[in-house]
Amino acid sequence: MAHRTVAPNEDPVCGMTVDIEQARAKGLVLEEDGREFGFCGKGCFLEFRDDPETYLAEGYSPSM
């Protein structure tokens, strides 16, 4: 499956800019397909954890 481009500091669920070091310190980082993703908060973290393909799909457009 083709994935959309997600910036290294972008929350793939909502599109917010994330400080990866702070996200890592808070446990809000997940690895998917060998890539690390950081999240703005627990809600986005859990959404992505439960269904990463939805948020990585080419047609997905993040919104807050």
Protein backbone atom coordinates (compact mmCIF):
# COMPACT_ATOMS: atom_id res chain seq x y z
CA MET A 1 0.00 0.00 0.00
CA ALA A 2 1.30 3.46 -0.88
CA HIS A 3 1.72 5.89 1.99
CA ARG A 4 1.43 9.67 2.01
CA THR A 5 4.39 11.82 2.99
CA VAL A 6 4.45 12.68 6.69
CA ALA A 7 7.02 15.23 7.90
CA PRO A 8 9.40 13.96 10.62
CA ASN A 9 7.84 16.30 13.21
CA GLU A 10 4.21 15.98 12.06
CA ASP A 11 1.51 14.20 14.05
CA PRO A 12 0.11 11.87 11.35
CA VAL A 13 -3.39 11.96 12.86
CA CYS A 14 -4.07 15.69 13.34
CA GLY A 15 -1.21 17.31 11.41
CA MET A 16 0.14 19.33 14.35
CA THR A 17 3.86 20.02 14.61
CA VAL A 18 5.35 17.85 17.36
CA ASP A 19 8.58 18.20 19.32
CA ILE A 20 9.81 14.63 18.94
CA GLU A 21 12.04 14.77 22.02
CA GLN A 22 9.14 15.95 24.19
CA ALA A 23 6.83 13.34 22.65
CA ARG A 24 9.43 10.64 23.34
CA ALA A 25 9.77 11.81 26.97
CA LYS A 26 5.98 11.54 27.37
CA GLY A 27 5.78 8.10 25.73
CA LEU A 28 3.91 9.52 22.73
CA VAL A 29 6.09 7.94 20.02
CA LEU A 30 5.37 4.82 17.98
CA GLU A 31 7.36 3.00 15.34
CA GLU A 32 5.59 1.83 12.18
CA ASP A 33 7.33 0.28 9.15
CA GLY A 34 10.75 1.22 10.56
CA ARG A 35 9.82 4.88 10.99
CA GLU A 36 9.21 6.80 14.20
CA PHE A 37 6.08 8.92 14.57
CA GLY A 38 5.45 11.45 17.33
CA PHE A 39 2.05 12.55 18.60
CA CYS A 40 0.65 15.74 20.14
CA GLY A 41 -1.30 13.83 22.78
CA LYS A 42 -2.68 10.54 24.00
CA GLY A 43 -5.79 10.68 21.78
CA CYS A 44 -3.84 10.86 18.52
CA PHE A 45 -1.36 8.29 19.84
CA LEU A 46 -4.14 5.78 20.56
CA GLU A 47 -5.97 6.44 17.27
CA PHE A 48 -2.79 5.77 15.30
CA ARG A 49 -1.78 2.76 17.40
CA ASP A 50 -5.13 1.10 16.77
CA ASP A 51 -5.23 1.71 12.99
CA PRO A 52 -2.01 3.18 11.52
CA GLU A 53 -2.90 2.42 7.89
CA THR A 54 -5.86 4.83 8.05
CA TYR A 55 -3.56 7.73 8.90
CA LEU A 56 -0.76 6.77 6.50
CA ALA A 57 -2.99 6.17 3.48
CA GLU A 58 -2.38 8.42 0.47
CA GLY A 59 -5.91 9.86 0.55
CA TYR A 60 -5.89 10.79 4.27
CA SER A 61 -5.84 14.50 5.08
CA PRO A 62 -5.02 15.26 8.74
CA SER A 63 -7.24 17.76 10.52
CA MET A 64 -7.59 18.91 14.09
